[in-house]
Amino acid sequence: MIIRAYQPEDADALAQIFFDAVRIGAAAHYSTDQLAAWAPLRPSAQVWSARLEGLTTWVAVTDRPLGFMSMRGDGYLDLAFVAPEQRGRGLGHALHAAVLAEARTRALPRLTVEASLAAHSFFVRLGWQEIARQTLERHGQQIENFRMQRIIGQ
């Protein structure tokens, strides 16, 4: 596996990873209705390419993309998803290391994220601190997550 920068031809595969990570990977933490509200349809490659525009995105790749993380310029970790069948194989850790390295290069004091119930423990293990538990509304469904931060010096 390698970690590399996002390429436009990755958009379709990353859209599928996002959809599967939400609908399958987070299924133990949210109801079917909540999952459908979070990811109502699988995004098209065009929609996902537009979604990634302006973000710095790293992709974990073997013979195909298996996961990705995207960060805004201000250190907000906007997207962090791994294909459900690839969880527990170190992809998330490797992607996180790339995010931290970029944050240090940019001299960002901290990173922030809104982590799902499924991702919360992953971020805690990597030194993130919970700021607040919150409930968001998406398509009429209440979806809980956590605002978290990672101080870069730690």
N, C-alpha and C. Protein backbone atom coordinates (compact mmCIF):
# COMPACT_ATOMS: atom_id res chain seq x y z
N MET A 1 0.83 -1.18 0.00
CA MET A 1 0.00 0.00 0.00
C MET A 1 0.88 1.25 0.00
N ILE A 2 0.44 2.23 -0.75
CA ILE A 2 1.10 3.53 -0.73
C ILE A 2 0.06 4.61 -0.40
N ILE A 3 0.54 5.72 0.11
CA ILE A 3 -0.29 6.90 0.32
C ILE A 3 0.17 7.92 -0.70
N ARG A 4 -0.76 8.42 -1.47
CA ARG A 4 -0.42 9.41 -2.49
C ARG A 4 -1.50 10.47 -2.55
N ALA A 5 -1.19 11.52 -3.28
CA ALA A 5 -2.15 12.62 -3.47
C ALA A 5 -3.31 12.15 -4.35
N TYR A 6 -4.46 12.71 -4.08
CA TYR A 6 -5.66 12.47 -4.88
C TYR A 6 -5.40 12.83 -6.33
N GLN A 7 -5.93 12.02 -7.23
CA GLN A 7 -5.90 12.29 -8.66
C GLN A 7 -7.35 12.29 -9.15
N PRO A 8 -7.69 13.14 -10.11
CA PRO A 8 -9.08 13.22 -10.57
C PRO A 8 -9.71 11.88 -10.95
N GLU A 9 -8.91 10.97 -11.46
CA GLU A 9 -9.47 9.66 -11.84
C GLU A 9 -9.84 8.80 -10.62
N ASP A 10 -9.49 9.25 -9.41
CA ASP A 10 -9.88 8.55 -8.18
C ASP A 10 -11.32 8.83 -7.76
N ALA A 11 -11.94 9.86 -8.32
CA ALA A 11 -13.22 10.35 -7.80
C ALA A 11 -14.28 9.26 -7.70
N ASP A 12 -14.43 8.45 -8.71
CA ASP A 12 -15.47 7.42 -8.68
C ASP A 12 -15.22 6.40 -7.57
N ALA A 13 -13.99 5.94 -7.45
CA ALA A 13 -13.65 4.96 -6.41
C ALA A 13 -13.83 5.56 -5.02
N LEU A 14 -13.47 6.83 -4.83
CA LEU A 14 -13.62 7.45 -3.52
C LEU A 14 -15.08 7.68 -3.17
N ALA A 15 -15.90 7.97 -4.18
CA ALA A 15 -17.34 8.09 -3.94
C ALA A 15 -17.90 6.76 -3.43
N GLN A 16 -17.45 5.67 -4.01
CA GLN A 16 -17.91 4.34 -3.58
C GLN A 16 -17.42 4.04 -2.17
N ILE A 17 -16.17 4.37 -1.87
CA ILE A 17 -15.63 4.14 -0.52
C ILE A 17 -16.46 4.92 0.50
N PHE A 18 -16.73 6.20 0.22
CA PHE A 18 -17.56 7.01 1.11
C PHE A 18 -18.91 6.33 1.35
N PHE A 19 -19.59 5.98 0.29
CA PHE A 19 -20.93 5.40 0.39
C PHE A 19 -20.90 4.10 1.19
N ASP A 20 -19.95 3.22 0.88
CA ASP A 20 -19.86 1.94 1.59
C ASP A 20 -19.46 2.14 3.06
N ALA A 21 -18.55 3.07 3.32
CA ALA A 21 -18.12 3.32 4.69
C ALA A 21 -19.28 3.82 5.55
N VAL A 22 -20.13 4.65 4.96
CA VAL A 22 -21.30 5.13 5.70
C VAL A 22 -22.33 4.02 5.83
N ARG A 23 -22.76 3.47 4.71
CA ARG A 23 -23.89 2.53 4.72
C ARG A 23 -23.54 1.18 5.36
N ILE A 24 -22.29 0.74 5.23
CA ILE A 24 -21.89 -0.56 5.78
C ILE A 24 -21.03 -0.37 7.04
N GLY A 25 -19.99 0.44 6.91
CA GLY A 25 -19.03 0.60 8.00
C GLY A 25 -19.60 1.23 9.26
N ALA A 26 -20.57 2.13 9.12
CA ALA A 26 -21.14 2.81 10.28
C ALA A 26 -22.47 2.18 10.71
N ALA A 27 -22.85 1.08 10.10
CA ALA A 27 -24.17 0.48 10.35
C ALA A 27 -24.38 0.04 11.79
N ALA A 28 -23.33 -0.30 12.50
CA ALA A 28 -23.48 -0.73 13.90
C ALA A 28 -23.77 0.44 14.84
N HIS A 29 -23.60 1.66 14.34
CA HIS A 29 -23.71 2.84 15.21
C HIS A 29 -24.91 3.72 14.92
N TYR A 30 -25.53 3.55 13.76
CA TYR A 30 -26.64 4.40 13.36
C TYR A 30 -27.77 3.55 12.79
N SER A 31 -28.98 4.09 12.84
CA SER A 31 -30.13 3.37 12.28
C SER A 31 -30.08 3.41 10.75
N THR A 32 -30.86 2.55 10.12
CA THR A 32 -30.95 2.55 8.66
C THR A 32 -31.40 3.91 8.14
N ASP A 33 -32.36 4.53 8.83
CA ASP A 33 -32.85 5.84 8.40
C ASP A 33 -31.76 6.91 8.54
N GLN A 34 -30.99 6.85 9.61
CA GLN A 34 -29.90 7.81 9.79
C GLN A 34 -28.83 7.64 8.70
N LEU A 35 -28.49 6.40 8.39
CA LEU A 35 -27.50 6.14 7.34
C LEU A 35 -27.99 6.63 5.99
N ALA A 36 -29.26 6.42 5.71
CA ALA A 36 -29.84 6.88 4.45
C ALA A 36 -29.87 8.41 4.38
N ALA A 37 -30.04 9.06 5.52
CA ALA A 37 -30.01 10.53 5.54
C ALA A 37 -28.59 11.05 5.34
N TRP A 38 -27.61 10.37 5.90
CA TRP A 38 -26.21 10.76 5.79
C TRP A 38 -25.71 10.57 4.36
N ALA A 39 -26.05 9.46 3.76
CA ALA A 39 -25.62 9.15 2.39
C ALA A 39 -26.82 8.62 1.63
N PRO A 40 -27.70 9.52 1.16
CA PRO A 40 -28.94 9.07 0.50
C PRO A 40 -28.69 8.28 -0.78
N LEU A 41 -27.71 8.70 -1.56
CA LEU A 41 -27.37 8.04 -2.82
C LEU A 41 -25.86 7.97 -2.94
N ARG A 42 -25.39 7.01 -3.72
CA ARG A 42 -23.96 6.97 -4.01
C ARG A 42 -23.64 8.15 -4.91
N PRO A 43 -22.69 9.01 -4.50
CA PRO A 43 -22.37 10.16 -5.34
C PRO A 43 -21.74 9.73 -6.67
N SER A 44 -22.00 10.49 -7.70
CA SER A 44 -21.35 10.25 -8.98
C SER A 44 -19.90 10.73 -8.90
N ALA A 45 -19.11 10.31 -9.88
CA ALA A 45 -17.72 10.77 -9.94
C ALA A 45 -17.67 12.30 -10.06
N GLN A 46 -18.57 12.88 -10.85
CA GLN A 46 -18.58 14.34 -11.02
C GLN A 46 -18.93 15.05 -9.72
N VAL A 47 -19.93 14.56 -9.02
CA VAL A 47 -20.32 15.16 -7.75
C VAL A 47 -19.19 15.04 -6.74
N TRP A 48 -18.56 13.87 -6.69
CA TRP A 48 -17.50 13.66 -5.71
C TRP A 48 -16.25 14.47 -6.06
N SER A 49 -15.95 14.60 -7.32
CA SER A 49 -14.83 15.44 -7.74
C SER A 49 -15.05 16.87 -7.29
N ALA A 50 -16.26 17.37 -7.45
CA ALA A 50 -16.58 18.73 -7.01
C ALA A 50 -16.50 18.82 -5.49
N ARG A 51 -16.91 17.77 -4.78
CA ARG A 51 -16.86 17.75 -3.31
C ARG A 51 -15.43 17.85 -2.81
N LEU A 52 -14.49 17.25 -3.53
CA LEU A 52 -13.08 17.23 -3.12
C LEU A 52 -12.31 18.48 -3.55
N GLU A 53 -12.92 19.28 -4.41
CA GLU A 53 -12.24 20.47 -4.91
C GLU A 53 -11.91 21.41 -3.75
N GLY A 54 -10.69 21.89 -3.74
CA GLY A 54 -10.25 22.81 -2.69
C GLY A 54 -9.74 22.13 -1.43
N LEU A 55 -9.84 20.80 -1.38
CA LEU A 55 -9.33 20.04 -0.24
C LEU A 55 -8.01 19.38 -0.62
N THR A 56 -7.15 19.19 0.37
CA THR A 56 -5.96 18.37 0.17
C THR A 56 -6.36 16.96 0.55
N THR A 57 -6.26 16.04 -0.39
CA THR A 57 -6.74 14.68 -0.18
C THR A 57 -5.63 13.68 -0.42
N TRP A 58 -5.50 12.75 0.53
CA TRP A 58 -4.55 11.65 0.41
C TRP A 58 -5.34 10.38 0.20
N VAL A 59 -4.78 9.48 -0.60
CA VAL A 59 -5.47 8.24 -0.96
C VAL A 59 -4.56 7.06 -0.63
N ALA A 60 -5.11 6.07 0.06
CA ALA A 60 -4.39 4.81 0.30
C ALA A 60 -4.71 3.89 -0.87
N VAL A 61 -3.66 3.41 -1.53
CA VAL A 61 -3.82 2.67 -2.78
C VAL A 61 -2.99 1.39 -2.75
N THR A 62 -3.57 0.32 -3.26
CA THR A 62 -2.81 -0.87 -3.65
C THR A 62 -2.94 -0.91 -5.16
N ASP A 63 -3.72 -1.85 -5.66
CA ASP A 63 -4.04 -1.85 -7.08
C ASP A 63 -5.23 -0.95 -7.36
N ARG A 64 -5.86 -0.44 -6.28
CA ARG A 64 -7.02 0.46 -6.37
C ARG A 64 -7.08 1.28 -5.08
N PRO A 65 -7.79 2.38 -5.09
CA PRO A 65 -7.98 3.15 -3.86
C PRO A 65 -8.76 2.34 -2.82
N LEU A 66 -8.29 2.43 -1.55
CA LEU A 66 -8.91 1.69 -0.45
C LEU A 66 -9.40 2.59 0.67
N GLY A 67 -8.96 3.84 0.67
CA GLY A 67 -9.36 4.78 1.70
C GLY A 67 -8.81 6.15 1.37
N PHE A 68 -9.31 7.17 2.09
CA PHE A 68 -8.84 8.53 1.84
C PHE A 68 -9.14 9.43 3.03
N MET A 69 -8.38 10.51 3.12
CA MET A 69 -8.62 11.59 4.08
C MET A 69 -8.42 12.91 3.36
N SER A 70 -9.29 13.88 3.68
CA SER A 70 -9.24 15.20 3.04
C SER A 70 -9.23 16.28 4.11
N MET A 71 -8.36 17.26 3.92
CA MET A 71 -8.21 18.35 4.88
C MET A 71 -8.37 19.70 4.18
N ARG A 72 -9.10 20.59 4.85
CA ARG A 72 -9.17 21.98 4.39
C ARG A 72 -7.88 22.68 4.80
N GLY A 73 -7.65 23.84 4.23
CA GLY A 73 -6.45 24.61 4.53
C GLY A 73 -6.34 25.07 5.97
N ASP A 74 -7.47 25.16 6.67
CA ASP A 74 -7.46 25.61 8.06
C ASP A 74 -7.27 24.46 9.05
N GLY A 75 -7.04 23.23 8.56
CA GLY A 75 -6.81 22.09 9.43
C GLY A 75 -8.05 21.30 9.79
N TYR A 76 -9.18 21.60 9.17
CA TYR A 76 -10.38 20.82 9.41
C TYR A 76 -10.32 19.55 8.56
N LEU A 77 -10.36 18.40 9.23
CA LEU A 77 -10.37 17.11 8.55
C LEU A 77 -11.80 16.86 8.08
N ASP A 78 -12.04 17.14 6.82
CA ASP A 78 -13.39 17.15 6.27
C ASP A 78 -13.91 15.76 5.97
N LEU A 79 -13.05 14.88 5.50
CA LEU A 79 -13.46 13.53 5.11
C LEU A 79 -12.40 12.54 5.56
N ALA A 80 -12.84 11.40 6.09
CA ALA A 80 -11.91 10.34 6.51
C ALA A 80 -12.66 9.02 6.40
N PHE A 81 -12.39 8.28 5.34
CA PHE A 81 -13.14 7.05 5.09
C PHE A 81 -12.23 5.95 4.56
N VAL A 82 -12.48 4.73 5.03
CA VAL A 82 -11.77 3.54 4.56
C VAL A 82 -12.82 2.53 4.14
N ALA A 83 -12.56 1.81 3.07
CA ALA A 83 -13.48 0.75 2.64
C ALA A 83 -13.72 -0.19 3.81
N PRO A 84 -14.98 -0.55 4.07
CA PRO A 84 -15.28 -1.37 5.25
C PRO A 84 -14.46 -2.66 5.35
N GLU A 85 -14.21 -3.31 4.26
CA GLU A 85 -13.46 -4.57 4.29
C GLU A 85 -11.97 -4.36 4.54
N GLN A 86 -11.51 -3.09 4.54
CA GLN A 86 -10.11 -2.77 4.76
C GLN A 86 -9.83 -2.24 6.17
N ARG A 87 -10.87 -2.08 6.97
CA ARG A 87 -10.69 -1.56 8.32
C ARG A 87 -9.79 -2.49 9.14
N GLY A 88 -8.97 -1.88 10.01
CA GLY A 88 -8.09 -2.65 10.87
C GLY A 88 -6.79 -3.09 10.23
N ARG A 89 -6.48 -2.56 9.06
CA ARG A 89 -5.27 -2.97 8.34
C ARG A 89 -4.22 -1.86 8.28
N GLY A 90 -4.43 -0.78 9.03
CA GLY A 90 -3.43 0.27 9.09
C GLY A 90 -3.60 1.40 8.10
N LEU A 91 -4.61 1.33 7.24
CA LEU A 91 -4.81 2.38 6.24
C LEU A 91 -5.11 3.71 6.91
N GLY A 92 -6.02 3.70 7.87
CA GLY A 92 -6.39 4.93 8.57
C GLY A 92 -5.20 5.56 9.26
N HIS A 93 -4.38 4.74 9.90
CA HIS A 93 -3.18 5.26 10.57
C HIS A 93 -2.22 5.89 9.56
N ALA A 94 -2.02 5.24 8.44
CA ALA A 94 -1.11 5.77 7.42
C ALA A 94 -1.65 7.07 6.83
N LEU A 95 -2.94 7.13 6.58
CA LEU A 95 -3.54 8.36 6.06
C LEU A 95 -3.43 9.48 7.11
N HIS A 96 -3.67 9.15 8.36
CA HIS A 96 -3.57 10.12 9.44
C HIS A 96 -2.15 10.67 9.54
N ALA A 97 -1.16 9.82 9.39
CA ALA A 97 0.24 10.27 9.42
C ALA A 97 0.50 11.29 8.31
N ALA A 98 -0.07 11.07 7.14
CA ALA A 98 0.10 12.02 6.03
C ALA A 98 -0.57 13.36 6.37
N VAL A 99 -1.74 13.31 6.99
CA VAL A 99 -2.44 14.53 7.40
C VAL A 99 -1.58 15.30 8.41
N LEU A 100 -1.07 14.59 9.42
CA LEU A 100 -0.24 15.25 10.44
C LEU A 100 1.01 15.87 9.83
N ALA A 101 1.64 15.16 8.93
CA ALA A 101 2.85 15.70 8.29
C ALA A 101 2.53 16.99 7.53
N GLU A 102 1.42 17.00 6.82
CA GLU A 102 1.02 18.20 6.07
C GLU A 102 0.68 19.33 7.03
N ALA A 103 0.00 19.03 8.12
CA ALA A 103 -0.33 20.05 9.11
C ALA A 103 0.92 20.67 9.70
N ARG A 104 1.92 19.85 9.96
CA ARG A 104 3.20 20.37 10.49
C ARG A 104 3.90 21.23 9.44
N THR A 105 3.87 20.80 8.19
CA THR A 105 4.47 21.58 7.11
C THR A 105 3.82 22.95 7.01
N ARG A 106 2.51 22.99 7.21
CA ARG A 106 1.77 24.25 7.14
C ARG A 106 1.81 25.03 8.45
N ALA A 107 2.48 24.48 9.46
CA ALA A 107 2.57 25.09 10.79
C ALA A 107 1.20 25.36 11.40
N LEU A 108 0.27 24.42 11.18
CA LEU A 108 -1.06 24.54 11.78
C LEU A 108 -0.97 24.19 13.26
N PRO A 109 -1.60 24.96 14.12
CA PRO A 109 -1.52 24.64 15.55
C PRO A 109 -2.37 23.45 15.96
N ARG A 110 -3.44 23.18 15.20
CA ARG A 110 -4.32 22.07 15.55
C ARG A 110 -5.12 21.62 14.34
N LEU A 111 -5.62 20.41 14.46
CA LEU A 111 -6.57 19.86 13.49
C LEU A 111 -7.91 19.72 14.19
N THR A 112 -8.99 19.81 13.43
CA THR A 112 -10.32 19.58 13.97
C THR A 112 -11.07 18.62 13.07
N VAL A 113 -12.07 17.98 13.65
CA VAL A 113 -12.89 17.02 12.91
C VAL A 113 -14.24 16.90 13.59
N GLU A 114 -15.24 16.50 12.83
CA GLU A 114 -16.53 16.08 13.38
C GLU A 114 -16.59 14.59 13.12
N ALA A 115 -16.26 13.81 14.15
CA ALA A 115 -16.12 12.36 14.01
C ALA A 115 -17.42 11.64 14.29
N SER A 116 -17.73 10.68 13.46
CA SER A 116 -18.92 9.86 13.66
C SER A 116 -18.74 8.98 14.90
N LEU A 117 -19.84 8.39 15.34
CA LEU A 117 -19.76 7.43 16.44
C LEU A 117 -18.81 6.29 16.08
N ALA A 118 -18.79 5.90 14.82
CA ALA A 118 -17.93 4.81 14.36
C ALA A 118 -16.45 5.21 14.37
N ALA A 119 -16.14 6.48 14.12
CA ALA A 119 -14.75 6.93 14.01
C ALA A 119 -14.18 7.48 15.32
N HIS A 120 -15.02 7.74 16.29
CA HIS A 120 -14.59 8.38 17.54
C HIS A 120 -13.40 7.67 18.18
N SER A 121 -13.50 6.38 18.39
CA SER A 121 -12.42 5.65 19.08
C SER A 121 -11.13 5.65 18.26
N PHE A 122 -11.23 5.62 16.94
CA PHE A 122 -10.04 5.71 16.08
C PHE A 122 -9.29 7.01 16.36
N PHE A 123 -10.02 8.11 16.39
CA PHE A 123 -9.37 9.39 16.62
C PHE A 123 -8.82 9.51 18.04
N VAL A 124 -9.54 8.99 19.02
CA VAL A 124 -9.04 9.02 20.40
C VAL A 124 -7.71 8.28 20.49
N ARG A 125 -7.61 7.12 19.87
CA ARG A 125 -6.35 6.34 19.89
C ARG A 125 -5.20 7.11 19.27
N LEU A 126 -5.49 8.04 18.37
CA LEU A 126 -4.44 8.81 17.70
C LEU A 126 -4.21 10.17 18.35
N GLY A 127 -4.67 10.34 19.57
CA GLY A 127 -4.36 11.55 20.33
C GLY A 127 -5.33 12.70 20.18
N TRP A 128 -6.48 12.47 19.58
CA TRP A 128 -7.49 13.52 19.45
C TRP A 128 -8.27 13.62 20.75
N GLN A 129 -8.71 14.84 21.05
CA GLN A 129 -9.50 15.08 22.25
C GLN A 129 -10.92 15.47 21.83
N GLU A 130 -11.87 14.94 22.59
CA GLU A 130 -13.26 15.28 22.36
C GLU A 130 -13.53 16.67 22.91
N ILE A 131 -14.14 17.52 22.09
CA ILE A 131 -14.56 18.85 22.52
C ILE A 131 -16.01 18.81 22.96
N ALA A 132 -16.86 18.20 22.15
CA ALA A 132 -18.29 18.13 22.47
C ALA A 132 -18.97 17.06 21.65
N ARG A 133 -19.97 16.46 22.25
CA ARG A 133 -20.86 15.57 21.51
C ARG A 133 -21.96 16.47 20.95
N GLN A 134 -22.37 16.22 19.73
CA GLN A 134 -23.39 17.07 19.12
C GLN A 134 -24.35 16.23 18.30
N THR A 135 -25.48 16.82 18.00
CA THR A 135 -26.49 16.18 17.16
C THR A 135 -26.77 17.10 15.98
N LEU A 136 -26.62 16.55 14.80
CA LEU A 136 -26.89 17.27 13.56
C LEU A 136 -28.18 16.75 12.95
N GLU A 137 -28.83 17.58 12.18
CA GLU A 137 -30.01 17.12 11.45
C GLU A 137 -29.67 17.02 9.98
N ARG A 138 -29.94 15.86 9.41
CA ARG A 138 -29.75 15.63 7.98
C ARG A 138 -31.00 14.97 7.44
N HIS A 139 -31.62 15.62 6.50
CA HIS A 139 -32.81 15.06 5.85
C HIS A 139 -33.82 14.55 6.88
N GLY A 140 -34.03 15.34 7.93
CA GLY A 140 -35.03 15.01 8.94
C GLY A 140 -34.59 14.00 9.99
N GLN A 141 -33.36 13.56 9.93
CA GLN A 141 -32.84 12.59 10.91
C GLN A 141 -31.83 13.25 11.84
N GLN A 142 -31.87 12.88 13.11
CA GLN A 142 -30.89 13.35 14.09
C GLN A 142 -29.70 12.40 14.06
N ILE A 143 -28.51 12.94 13.81
CA ILE A 143 -27.30 12.13 13.70
C ILE A 143 -26.28 12.66 14.69
N GLU A 144 -25.84 11.81 15.62
CA GLU A 144 -24.86 12.22 16.62
C GLU A 144 -23.45 12.04 16.09
N ASN A 145 -22.59 12.98 16.51
CA ASN A 145 -21.17 12.85 16.24
C ASN A 145 -20.41 13.63 17.31
N PHE A 146 -19.10 13.77 17.13
CA PHE A 146 -18.25 14.43 18.12
C PHE A 146 -17.39 15.49 17.44
N ARG A 147 -17.38 16.69 18.00
CA ARG A 147 -16.37 17.67 17.60
C ARG A 147 -15.11 17.31 18.37
N MET A 148 -14.00 17.20 17.64
CA MET A 148 -12.74 16.79 18.24
C MET A 148 -11.61 17.66 17.72
N GLN A 149 -10.49 17.65 18.44
CA GLN A 149 -9.31 18.39 17.99
C GLN A 149 -8.06 17.57 18.28
N ARG A 150 -7.03 17.87 17.52
CA ARG A 150 -5.71 17.26 17.71
C ARG A 150 -4.71 18.40 17.70
N ILE A 151 -4.10 18.67 18.86
CA ILE A 151 -3.07 19.68 18.93
C ILE A 151 -1.84 19.11 18.22
N ILE A 152 -1.27 19.88 17.33
CA ILE A 152 -0.21 19.34 16.45
C ILE A 152 1.06 18.98 17.21
N GLY A 153 1.41 19.67 18.25
CA GLY A 153 2.63 19.35 18.98
C GLY A 153 2.58 18.04 19.72
N GLN A 154 1.42 17.41 19.78
CA GLN A 154 1.28 16.16 20.57
C GLN A 154 1.40 14.93 19.72
